[in-house]
Amino acid sequence: MKLFSAIVMLVLATSSFASSQTKTFFYDGTQDSVNMSLRAEKTHTEYRYEQRRSVCYRQEVHYEVRCYGRPMSCHQVPVYRTISYPCMETVRVPYEVWDYDVEANVDLKIAKLPVALPVGETIKVTLWGDRLSLSANGSKNFFILSQETAMTSQMNGSVKFIDASYALNLVEAAPVVKALAMTDISLKNSVLNFKMGPVEVRDLIGFSLEVKKSPILGSDTVLFNRELKSSEIMIASEAESASANINIKDLGVNLTGGRYTLTAKTFFKHEGTLINKDQFEQVEASRTLIYKIR
């Protein structure tokens, strides 16, 4: 009886692991840290081949005499028919093979909120095999950024132990989203200009530019394509908008004769991983100008 009980306990212990586990916590703005323990299994996919009953098809042909026209010209023509019949087929079946168990201890540190806005964020931590990932959704008042600050792991028998730490930072979303609203774009005297929303925090808005020469025949030639430095773009702020100016010549690009495609892009510039990106329609915007020089 004791042996039976021991076996049952062992089965329960091993079956408590799954290939993944997700834990959540609700952040209301008062917590500064949280600790989570997760368990999962690391597996890999293998394949086996099985014989299964199926239905196969073959084509049969027979000939019929068909006559055409007033002078009656007759010919034998092939007539095809699809015949079904029972058969056995070989199928490739995937299955998961256990490698080892995984236990993860995760610490989350949350930076103090910069503004007094309503907070209600659900943070999810998922252990998939031996990989950790973070996601979030909630108030949409903030971009939630995650940075891995520490990660160690070690094997002990058939269990991999992981210790991980992440720093979470909440950035007010509304000023960034407004700034990314690009509108008109034009080029005059080698200066590219476009309109956008008001830029309240310059460090949170990134800019990039791509310039391509598009011949009538053949593929485009990329003349310039990279993120711009702060000194390479001038921002003139107004009450409800801003104007951005880029001097193309200062970037080493000379537009001579031909057809050019200029694409300016604005984007949310940040450090770390944006874990609630799916909550926002866009975290970047772009405008393209096709410019011809005769």
C-alpha atoms as a PDB file:
ATOM      1  CA  MET A   1       0.000   0.000   0.000  1.00  0.00           C
ATOM      2  CA  LYS A   2       2.852   2.396   0.834  1.00  0.00           C
ATOM      3  CA  LEU A   3       4.536   1.536  -2.466  1.00  0.00           C
ATOM      4  CA  PHE A   4       1.279   2.271  -4.320  1.00  0.00           C
ATOM      5  CA  SER A   5       0.954   5.632  -2.547  1.00  0.00           C
ATOM      6  CA  ALA A   6       4.531   6.542  -3.423  1.00  0.00           C
ATOM      7  CA  ILE A   7       3.927   5.730  -7.099  1.00  0.00           C
ATOM      8  CA  VAL A   8       0.755   7.845  -7.112  1.00  0.00           C
ATOM      9  CA  MET A   9       2.641  10.782  -5.562  1.00  0.00           C
ATOM     10  CA  LEU A  10       5.384  10.471  -8.187  1.00  0.00           C
ATOM     11  CA  VAL A  11       2.842  10.463 -11.019  1.00  0.00           C
ATOM     12  CA  LEU A  12       1.124  13.523  -9.582  1.00  0.00           C
ATOM     13  CA  ALA A  13       4.439  15.337  -9.227  1.00  0.00           C
ATOM     14  CA  THR A  14       5.560  14.703 -12.789  1.00  0.00           C
ATOM     15  CA  SER A  15       2.152  15.390 -14.341  1.00  0.00           C
ATOM     16  CA  SER A  16       1.960  18.793 -12.629  1.00  0.00           C
ATOM     17  CA  PHE A  17       4.292  20.183 -15.282  1.00  0.00           C
ATOM     18  CA  ALA A  18       2.956  21.340 -18.657  1.00  0.00           C
ATOM     19  CA  SER A  19       4.782  22.582 -21.727  1.00  0.00           C
ATOM     20  CA  SER A  20       3.928  26.163 -20.717  1.00  0.00           C
ATOM     21  CA  GLN A  21       2.487  28.184 -17.850  1.00  0.00           C
ATOM     22  CA  THR A  22       1.248  31.769 -17.675  1.00  0.00           C
ATOM     23  CA  LYS A  23       0.750  33.843 -14.547  1.00  0.00           C
ATOM     24  CA  THR A  24      -0.755  37.313 -14.316  1.00  0.00           C
ATOM     25  CA  PHE A  25      -0.963  40.147 -11.846  1.00  0.00           C
ATOM     26  CA  PHE A  26      -2.977  43.348 -11.860  1.00  0.00           C
ATOM     27  CA  TYR A  27      -0.939  46.511 -11.485  1.00  0.00           C
ATOM     28  CA  ASP A  28      -2.902  49.397  -9.940  1.00  0.00           C
ATOM     29  CA  GLY A  29       0.005  51.817  -9.535  1.00  0.00           C
ATOM     30  CA  THR A  30       0.800  51.051  -5.911  1.00  0.00           C
ATOM     31  CA  GLN A  31       3.136  48.058  -6.267  1.00  0.00           C
ATOM     32  CA  ASP A  32       6.834  48.473  -6.953  1.00  0.00           C
ATOM     33  CA  SER A  33       7.732  44.779  -7.307  1.00  0.00           C
ATOM     34  CA  VAL A  34       6.251  41.314  -7.664  1.00  0.00           C
ATOM     35  CA  ASN A  35       7.670  37.787  -7.620  1.00  0.00           C
ATOM     36  CA  MET A  36       6.348  34.814  -9.602  1.00  0.00           C
ATOM     37  CA  SER A  37       7.203  31.114  -9.738  1.00  0.00           C
ATOM     38  CA  LEU A  38       6.409  29.190 -12.911  1.00  0.00           C
ATOM     39  CA  ARG A  39       6.837  25.564 -13.973  1.00  0.00           C
ATOM     40  CA  ALA A  40       6.907  24.005 -17.426  1.00  0.00           C
ATOM     41  CA  GLU A  41       8.443  21.257 -19.535  1.00  0.00           C
ATOM     42  CA  LYS A  42      11.066  21.596 -22.238  1.00  0.00           C
ATOM     43  CA  THR A  43      10.146  19.355 -25.145  1.00  0.00           C
ATOM     44  CA  HIS A  44      11.075  18.893 -28.772  1.00  0.00           C
ATOM     45  CA  THR A  45       9.062  17.636 -31.723  1.00  0.00           C
ATOM     46  CA  GLU A  46       9.706  14.264 -33.330  1.00  0.00           C
ATOM     47  CA  TYR A  47       7.742  12.402 -35.999  1.00  0.00           C
ATOM     48  CA  ARG A  48       6.469   8.908 -36.546  1.00  0.00           C
ATOM     49  CA  TYR A  49       4.858   7.333 -39.596  1.00  0.00           C
ATOM     50  CA  GLU A  50       1.504   5.611 -39.398  1.00  0.00           C
ATOM     51  CA  GLN A  51      -0.628   3.656 -41.835  1.00  0.00           C
ATOM     52  CA  ARG A  52      -4.193   4.954 -42.000  1.00  0.00           C
ATOM     53  CA  ARG A  53      -7.252   3.949 -43.967  1.00  0.00           C
ATOM     54  CA  SER A  54      -8.073   6.478 -46.620  1.00  0.00           C
ATOM     55  CA  VAL A  55      -9.756   6.998 -49.975  1.00  0.00           C
ATOM     56  CA  CYS A  56      -7.607   7.096 -53.092  1.00  0.00           C
ATOM     57  CA  TYR A  57      -8.534   8.056 -56.631  1.00  0.00           C
ATOM     58  CA  ARG A  58      -7.576   6.896 -60.079  1.00  0.00           C
ATOM     59  CA  GLN A  59      -8.632   7.820 -63.572  1.00  0.00           C
ATOM     60  CA  GLU A  60     -10.082   5.338 -66.008  1.00  0.00           C
ATOM     61  CA  VAL A  61     -10.425   5.969 -69.701  1.00  0.00           C
ATOM     62  CA  HIS A  62     -12.692   4.450 -72.309  1.00  0.00           C
ATOM     63  CA  TYR A  63     -13.413   5.485 -75.866  1.00  0.00           C
ATOM     64  CA  GLU A  64     -16.687   6.539 -77.418  1.00  0.00           C
ATOM     65  CA  VAL A  65     -17.561   7.118 -81.060  1.00  0.00           C
ATOM     66  CA  ARG A  66     -18.835  10.632 -81.643  1.00  0.00           C
ATOM     67  CA  CYS A  67     -19.981  12.083 -84.964  1.00  0.00           C
ATOM     68  CA  TYR A  68     -20.012  15.741 -85.933  1.00  0.00           C
ATOM     69  CA  GLY A  69     -21.267  17.944 -88.759  1.00  0.00           C
ATOM     70  CA  ARG A  70     -23.673  17.430 -91.683  1.00  0.00           C
ATOM     71  CA  PRO A  71     -21.294  15.162 -93.654  1.00  0.00           C
ATOM     72  CA  MET A  72     -21.053  13.041 -90.497  1.00  0.00           C
ATOM     73  CA  SER A  73     -17.404  12.714 -89.551  1.00  0.00           C
ATOM     74  CA  CYS A  74     -17.069  10.167 -86.760  1.00  0.00           C
ATOM     75  CA  HIS A  75     -14.150   9.722 -84.372  1.00  0.00           C
ATOM     76  CA  GLN A  76     -13.254   7.813 -81.280  1.00  0.00           C
ATOM     77  CA  VAL A  77     -12.688  10.189 -78.385  1.00  0.00           C
ATOM     78  CA  PRO A  78     -11.337   9.382 -74.902  1.00  0.00           C
ATOM     79  CA  VAL A  79     -13.702   9.793 -71.951  1.00  0.00           C
ATOM     80  CA  TYR A  80     -12.142  10.006 -68.480  1.00  0.00           C
ATOM     81  CA  ARG A  81     -13.782   9.019 -65.248  1.00  0.00           C
ATOM     82  CA  THR A  82     -12.484   9.399 -61.678  1.00  0.00           C
ATOM     83  CA  ILE A  83     -12.841   6.237 -59.602  1.00  0.00           C
ATOM     84  CA  SER A  84     -12.515   6.210 -55.797  1.00  0.00           C
ATOM     85  CA  TYR A  85     -11.336   3.131 -53.909  1.00  0.00           C
ATOM     86  CA  PRO A  86     -10.284   2.303 -50.341  1.00  0.00           C
ATOM     87  CA  CYS A  87      -6.561   2.312 -49.660  1.00  0.00           C
ATOM     88  CA  MET A  88      -3.919   2.723 -46.971  1.00  0.00           C
ATOM     89  CA  GLU A  89      -1.750   5.845 -46.821  1.00  0.00           C
ATOM     90  CA  THR A  90       1.336   6.732 -44.828  1.00  0.00           C
ATOM     91  CA  VAL A  91       1.026   9.897 -42.750  1.00  0.00           C
ATOM     92  CA  ARG A  92       3.681  11.819 -40.806  1.00  0.00           C
ATOM     93  CA  VAL A  93       2.473  12.413 -37.244  1.00  0.00           C
ATOM     94  CA  PRO A  94       4.229  14.898 -34.930  1.00  0.00           C
ATOM     95  CA  TYR A  95       4.560  14.227 -31.213  1.00  0.00           C
ATOM     96  CA  GLU A  96       6.334  15.938 -28.340  1.00  0.00           C
ATOM     97  CA  VAL A  97       9.258  14.310 -26.543  1.00  0.00           C
ATOM     98  CA  TRP A  98      10.117  15.393 -22.999  1.00  0.00           C
ATOM     99  CA  ASP A  99      13.603  16.811 -22.464  1.00  0.00           C
ATOM    100  CA  TYR A 100      13.539  18.143 -18.920  1.00  0.00           C
ATOM    101  CA  ASP A 101      11.390  20.029 -16.407  1.00  0.00           C
ATOM    102  CA  VAL A 102      11.791  23.765 -15.890  1.00  0.00           C
ATOM    103  CA  GLU A 103      11.218  25.893 -12.810  1.00  0.00           C
ATOM    104  CA  ALA A 104      11.519  29.686 -13.106  1.00  0.00           C
ATOM    105  CA  ASN A 105      11.645  32.370 -10.446  1.00  0.00           C
ATOM    106  CA  VAL A 106      10.817  35.790 -11.912  1.00  0.00           C
ATOM    107  CA  ASP A 107      11.221  39.183 -10.216  1.00  0.00           C
ATOM    108  CA  LEU A 108       9.538  42.257 -11.705  1.00  0.00           C
ATOM    109  CA  LYS A 109      10.578  45.745 -10.599  1.00  0.00           C
ATOM    110  CA  ILE A 110       8.189  48.556 -11.559  1.00  0.00           C
ATOM    111  CA  ALA A 111       9.398  52.143 -11.853  1.00  0.00           C
ATOM    112  CA  LYS A 112       7.453  54.904 -10.149  1.00  0.00           C
ATOM    113  CA  LEU A 113       4.716  56.365 -12.344  1.00  0.00           C
ATOM    114  CA  PRO A 114       5.715  59.682 -13.944  1.00  0.00           C
ATOM    115  CA  VAL A 115       2.163  61.119 -14.083  1.00  0.00           C
ATOM    116  CA  ALA A 116      -1.081  60.779 -12.153  1.00  0.00           C
ATOM    117  CA  LEU A 117      -3.230  58.934 -14.695  1.00  0.00           C
ATOM    118  CA  PRO A 118      -5.694  56.078 -14.134  1.00  0.00           C
ATOM    119  CA  VAL A 119      -3.791  52.801 -13.917  1.00  0.00           C
ATOM    120  CA  GLY A 120      -5.103  49.309 -14.500  1.00  0.00           C
ATOM    121  CA  GLU A 121      -2.589  47.080 -16.242  1.00  0.00           C
ATOM    122  CA  THR A 122      -2.648  43.285 -16.440  1.00  0.00           C
ATOM    123  CA  ILE A 123       0.909  41.960 -16.730  1.00  0.00           C
ATOM    124  CA  LYS A 124       1.393  38.396 -17.989  1.00  0.00           C
ATOM    125  CA  VAL A 125       4.532  36.296 -17.592  1.00  0.00           C
ATOM    126  CA  THR A 126       4.713  33.104 -19.667  1.00  0.00           C
ATOM    127  CA  LEU A 127       7.210  30.286 -19.348  1.00  0.00           C
ATOM    128  CA  TRP A 128       7.162  28.328 -22.601  1.00  0.00           C
ATOM    129  CA  GLY A 129       9.539  25.422 -22.278  1.00  0.00           C
ATOM    130  CA  ASP A 130      12.636  27.211 -20.989  1.00  0.00           C
ATOM    131  CA  ARG A 131      11.824  30.589 -22.589  1.00  0.00           C
ATOM    132  CA  LEU A 132      10.268  33.494 -20.703  1.00  0.00           C
ATOM    133  CA  SER A 133       8.115  36.201 -22.279  1.00  0.00           C
ATOM    134  CA  LEU A 134       6.131  39.161 -20.990  1.00  0.00           C
ATOM    135  CA  SER A 135       2.950  40.774 -22.304  1.00  0.00           C
ATOM    136  CA  ALA A 136       0.439  43.304 -21.002  1.00  0.00           C
ATOM    137  CA  ASN A 137      -2.867  45.028 -21.644  1.00  0.00           C
ATOM    138  CA  GLY A 138      -5.018  47.449 -19.740  1.00  0.00           C
ATOM    139  CA  SER A 139      -5.790  51.160 -19.545  1.00  0.00           C
ATOM    140  CA  LYS A 140      -4.041  52.205 -22.800  1.00  0.00           C
ATOM    141  CA  ASN A 141      -2.790  55.246 -20.910  1.00  0.00           C
ATOM    142  CA  PHE A 142       0.756  53.915 -20.943  1.00  0.00           C
ATOM    143  CA  PHE A 143       3.310  52.182 -23.093  1.00  0.00           C
ATOM    144  CA  ILE A 144       4.693  49.370 -20.922  1.00  0.00           C
ATOM    145  CA  LEU A 145       8.391  48.694 -21.478  1.00  0.00           C
ATOM    146  CA  SER A 146      10.335  45.711 -20.204  1.00  0.00           C
ATOM    147  CA  GLN A 147      14.096  45.310 -19.846  1.00  0.00           C
ATOM    148  CA  GLU A 148      15.811  42.109 -18.764  1.00  0.00           C
ATOM    149  CA  THR A 149      18.183  42.999 -15.938  1.00  0.00           C
ATOM    150  CA  ALA A 150      19.410  39.523 -14.964  1.00  0.00           C
ATOM    151  CA  MET A 151      19.060  35.947 -16.221  1.00  0.00           C
ATOM    152  CA  THR A 152      20.786  32.839 -14.856  1.00  0.00           C
ATOM    153  CA  SER A 153      20.031  29.153 -15.287  1.00  0.00           C
ATOM    154  CA  GLN A 154      21.433  25.834 -14.150  1.00  0.00           C
ATOM    155  CA  MET A 155      20.592  22.166 -14.481  1.00  0.00           C
ATOM    156  CA  ASN A 156      20.082  20.030 -11.388  1.00  0.00           C
ATOM    157  CA  GLY A 157      19.330  16.470 -12.392  1.00  0.00           C
ATOM    158  CA  SER A 158      16.345  16.546 -14.752  1.00  0.00           C
ATOM    159  CA  VAL A 159      15.241  20.075 -13.761  1.00  0.00           C
ATOM    160  CA  LYS A 160      16.435  23.387 -15.204  1.00  0.00           C
ATOM    161  CA  PHE A 161      16.222  26.247 -12.718  1.00  0.00           C
ATOM    162  CA  ILE A 162      15.921  29.799 -14.051  1.00  0.00           C
ATOM    163  CA  ASP A 163      16.261  33.048 -12.096  1.00  0.00           C
ATOM    164  CA  ALA A 164      15.221  36.149 -14.041  1.00  0.00           C
ATOM    165  CA  SER A 165      14.696  39.816 -13.250  1.00  0.00           C
ATOM    166  CA  TYR A 166      12.947  42.453 -15.343  1.00  0.00           C
ATOM    167  CA  ALA A 167      12.525  46.197 -14.943  1.00  0.00           C
ATOM    168  CA  LEU A 168       9.152  47.609 -16.067  1.00  0.00           C
ATOM    169  CA  ASN A 169       8.711  51.224 -17.038  1.00  0.00           C
ATOM    170  CA  LEU A 170       5.424  52.959 -17.907  1.00  0.00           C
ATOM    171  CA  VAL A 171       5.508  55.844 -20.408  1.00  0.00           C
ATOM    172  CA  GLU A 172       2.510  58.102 -20.952  1.00  0.00           C
ATOM    173  CA  ALA A 173       1.159  57.125 -24.382  1.00  0.00           C
ATOM    174  CA  ALA A 174      -1.005  60.080 -25.453  1.00  0.00           C
ATOM    175  CA  PRO A 175       1.799  62.604 -26.216  1.00  0.00           C
ATOM    176  CA  VAL A 176       3.665  60.019 -28.299  1.00  0.00           C
ATOM    177  CA  VAL A 177       0.581  58.897 -30.242  1.00  0.00           C
ATOM    178  CA  LYS A 178      -0.339  62.514 -31.039  1.00  0.00           C
ATOM    179  CA  ALA A 179       3.175  63.328 -32.233  1.00  0.00           C
ATOM    180  CA  LEU A 180       3.241  60.405 -34.661  1.00  0.00           C
ATOM    181  CA  ALA A 181       0.298  61.782 -36.695  1.00  0.00           C
ATOM    182  CA  MET A 182       2.082  62.689 -39.948  1.00  0.00           C
ATOM    183  CA  THR A 183       0.307  64.671 -42.692  1.00  0.00           C
ATOM    184  CA  ASP A 184       1.623  66.716 -45.629  1.00  0.00           C
ATOM    185  CA  ILE A 185       5.046  66.027 -47.133  1.00  0.00           C
ATOM    186  CA  SER A 186       6.870  68.175 -49.691  1.00  0.00           C
ATOM    187  CA  LEU A 187      10.328  68.940 -51.089  1.00  0.00           C
ATOM    188  CA  LYS A 188      11.676  72.364 -51.992  1.00  0.00           C
ATOM    189  CA  ASN A 189      15.270  73.486 -52.531  1.00  0.00           C
ATOM    190  CA  SER A 190      16.553  70.097 -51.271  1.00  0.00           C
ATOM    191  CA  VAL A 191      14.661  70.473 -47.970  1.00  0.00           C
ATOM    192  CA  LEU A 192      12.112  67.791 -47.164  1.00  0.00           C
ATOM    193  CA  ASN A 193       9.249  69.039 -45.003  1.00  0.00           C
ATOM    194  CA  PHE A 194       6.381  67.184 -43.355  1.00  0.00           C
ATOM    195  CA  LYS A 195       3.757  67.981 -40.755  1.00  0.00           C
ATOM    196  CA  MET A 196       3.173  65.962 -37.593  1.00  0.00           C
ATOM    197  CA  GLY A 197       1.524  66.262 -34.205  1.00  0.00           C
ATOM    198  CA  PRO A 198       2.967  68.350 -31.361  1.00  0.00           C
ATOM    199  CA  VAL A 199       6.307  67.009 -30.114  1.00  0.00           C
ATOM    200  CA  GLU A 200       6.238  67.359 -26.335  1.00  0.00           C
ATOM    201  CA  VAL A 201       9.132  65.013 -25.507  1.00  0.00           C
ATOM    202  CA  ARG A 202      11.705  64.994 -28.301  1.00  0.00           C
ATOM    203  CA  ASP A 203      13.657  62.026 -26.921  1.00  0.00           C
ATOM    204  CA  LEU A 204      10.607  59.733 -27.315  1.00  0.00           C
ATOM    205  CA  ILE A 205      10.214  60.401 -31.061  1.00  0.00           C
ATOM    206  CA  GLY A 206      12.593  58.859 -33.596  1.00  0.00           C
ATOM    207  CA  PHE A 207      12.943  59.736 -37.271  1.00  0.00           C
ATOM    208  CA  SER A 208      14.274  57.839 -40.271  1.00  0.00           C
ATOM    209  CA  LEU A 209      14.530  58.559 -43.977  1.00  0.00           C
ATOM    210  CA  GLU A 210      14.835  56.415 -47.085  1.00  0.00           C
ATOM    211  CA  VAL A 211      15.698  57.895 -50.477  1.00  0.00           C
ATOM    212  CA  LYS A 212      15.521  55.731 -53.590  1.00  0.00           C
ATOM    213  CA  LYS A 213      16.141  56.563 -57.231  1.00  0.00           C
ATOM    214  CA  SER A 214      13.584  54.808 -59.418  1.00  0.00           C
ATOM    215  CA  PRO A 215      14.596  54.378 -63.065  1.00  0.00           C
ATOM    216  CA  ILE A 216      12.039  53.745 -65.796  1.00  0.00           C
ATOM    217  CA  LEU A 217      13.549  50.301 -66.310  1.00  0.00           C
ATOM    218  CA  GLY A 218      15.345  48.192 -63.744  1.00  0.00           C
ATOM    219  CA  SER A 219      15.264  48.106 -59.947  1.00  0.00           C
ATOM    220  CA  ASP A 220      15.427  51.006 -57.495  1.00  0.00           C
ATOM    221  CA  THR A 221      18.754  52.244 -56.184  1.00  0.00           C
ATOM    222  CA  VAL A 222      18.800  53.075 -52.475  1.00  0.00           C
ATOM    223  CA  LEU A 223      20.717  56.316 -51.954  1.00  0.00           C
ATOM    224  CA  PHE A 224      20.046  56.746 -48.235  1.00  0.00           C
ATOM    225  CA  ASN A 225      18.323  54.661 -45.554  1.00  0.00           C
ATOM    226  CA  ARG A 226      18.889  55.076 -41.814  1.00  0.00           C
ATOM    227  CA  GLU A 227      17.677  56.629 -38.596  1.00  0.00           C
ATOM    228  CA  LEU A 228      18.349  60.350 -38.364  1.00  0.00           C
ATOM    229  CA  LYS A 229      20.347  62.035 -35.634  1.00  0.00           C
ATOM    230  CA  SER A 230      18.730  64.862 -33.697  1.00  0.00           C
ATOM    231  CA  SER A 231      21.039  67.343 -35.448  1.00  0.00           C
ATOM    232  CA  GLU A 232      19.864  66.148 -38.881  1.00  0.00           C
ATOM    233  CA  ILE A 233      16.200  67.108 -38.446  1.00  0.00           C
ATOM    234  CA  MET A 234      14.765  70.421 -37.316  1.00  0.00           C
ATOM    235  CA  ILE A 235      11.455  70.460 -35.408  1.00  0.00           C
ATOM    236  CA  ALA A 236       9.386  73.648 -35.214  1.00  0.00           C
ATOM    237  CA  SER A 237       6.601  73.211 -32.667  1.00  0.00           C
ATOM    238  CA  GLU A 238       3.271  74.995 -32.843  1.00  0.00           C
ATOM    239  CA  ALA A 239       0.172  74.851 -30.651  1.00  0.00           C
ATOM    240  CA  GLU A 240      -1.405  71.676 -32.034  1.00  0.00           C
ATOM    241  CA  SER A 241       1.186  70.533 -34.568  1.00  0.00           C
ATOM    242  CA  ALA A 242       4.842  70.564 -35.541  1.00  0.00           C
ATOM    243  CA  SER A 243       6.827  70.963 -38.734  1.00  0.00           C
ATOM    244  CA  ALA A 244       9.875  68.804 -39.487  1.00  0.00           C
ATOM    245  CA  ASN A 245      12.612  69.826 -41.943  1.00  0.00           C
ATOM    246  CA  ILE A 246      15.390  67.620 -43.335  1.00  0.00           C
ATOM    247  CA  ASN A 247      18.109  69.046 -45.566  1.00  0.00           C
ATOM    248  CA  ILE A 248      18.755  66.278 -48.096  1.00  0.00           C
ATOM    249  CA  LYS A 249      22.066  67.730 -49.282  1.00  0.00           C
ATOM    250  CA  ASP A 250      23.426  67.830 -45.738  1.00  0.00           C
ATOM    251  CA  LEU A 251      22.888  64.060 -45.632  1.00  0.00           C
ATOM    252  CA  GLY A 252      25.152  63.654 -48.665  1.00  0.00           C
ATOM    253  CA  VAL A 253      22.296  63.005 -51.108  1.00  0.00           C
ATOM    254  CA  ASN A 254      22.191  65.014 -54.331  1.00  0.00           C
ATOM    255  CA  LEU A 255      18.977  64.811 -56.315  1.00  0.00           C
ATOM    256  CA  THR A 256      19.838  65.324 -59.987  1.00  0.00           C
ATOM    257  CA  GLY A 257      17.629  64.330 -62.930  1.00  0.00           C
ATOM    258  CA  GLY A 258      15.250  61.416 -62.590  1.00  0.00           C
ATOM    259  CA  ARG A 259      12.489  60.016 -60.419  1.00  0.00           C
ATOM    260  CA  TYR A 260      12.963  59.673 -56.662  1.00  0.00           C
ATOM    261  CA  THR A 261      10.973  58.110 -53.844  1.00  0.00           C
ATOM    262  CA  LEU A 262      11.446  59.689 -50.418  1.00  0.00           C
ATOM    263  CA  THR A 263       9.903  58.013 -47.379  1.00  0.00           C
ATOM    264  CA  ALA A 264      10.037  59.748 -44.000  1.00  0.00           C
ATOM    265  CA  LYS A 265       9.088  57.786 -40.886  1.00  0.00           C
ATOM    266  CA  THR A 266       8.370  58.743 -37.281  1.00  0.00           C
ATOM    267  CA  PHE A 267       8.327  56.161 -34.510  1.00  0.00           C
ATOM    268  CA  PHE A 268       8.147  55.706 -30.745  1.00  0.00           C
ATOM    269  CA  LYS A 269      11.786  55.631 -29.667  1.00  0.00           C
ATOM    270  CA  HIS A 270      12.422  53.657 -26.521  1.00  0.00           C
ATOM    271  CA  GLU A 271      14.703  51.237 -24.715  1.00  0.00           C
ATOM    272  CA  GLY A 272      13.552  47.736 -23.896  1.00  0.00           C
ATOM    273  CA  THR A 273      10.668  45.700 -25.273  1.00  0.00           C
ATOM    274  CA  LEU A 274       7.216  47.216 -25.717  1.00  0.00           C
ATOM    275  CA  ILE A 275       5.041  44.475 -24.214  1.00  0.00           C
ATOM    276  CA  ASN A 276       1.602  46.031 -24.848  1.00  0.00           C
ATOM    277  CA  LYS A 277       2.143  47.049 -28.480  1.00  0.00           C
ATOM    278  CA  ASP A 278      -1.045  45.258 -29.575  1.00  0.00           C
ATOM    279  CA  GLN A 279      -3.131  47.787 -27.633  1.00  0.00           C
ATOM    280  CA  PHE A 280      -2.182  50.628 -29.959  1.00  0.00           C
ATOM    281  CA  GLU A 281      -3.121  51.026 -33.607  1.00  0.00           C
ATOM    282  CA  GLN A 282       0.356  52.254 -34.464  1.00  0.00           C
ATOM    283  CA  VAL A 283       3.628  53.127 -32.830  1.00  0.00           C
ATOM    284  CA  GLU A 284       5.049  54.543 -36.053  1.00  0.00           C
ATOM    285  CA  ALA A 285       3.882  56.476 -39.103  1.00  0.00           C
ATOM    286  CA  SER A 286       5.301  57.264 -42.526  1.00  0.00           C
ATOM    287  CA  ARG A 287       4.722  59.467 -45.550  1.00  0.00           C
ATOM    288  CA  THR A 288       6.102  58.920 -49.060  1.00  0.00           C
ATOM    289  CA  LEU A 289       6.826  61.548 -51.688  1.00  0.00           C
ATOM    290  CA  ILE A 290       7.484  60.709 -55.348  1.00  0.00           C
ATOM    291  CA  TYR A 291       9.588  63.508 -56.817  1.00  0.00           C
ATOM    292  CA  LYS A 292      10.613  63.997 -60.450  1.00  0.00           C
ATOM    293  CA  ILE A 293      13.429  66.185 -61.736  1.00  0.00           C
ATOM    294  CA  ARG A 294      13.488  66.752 -65.489  1.00  0.00           C
END
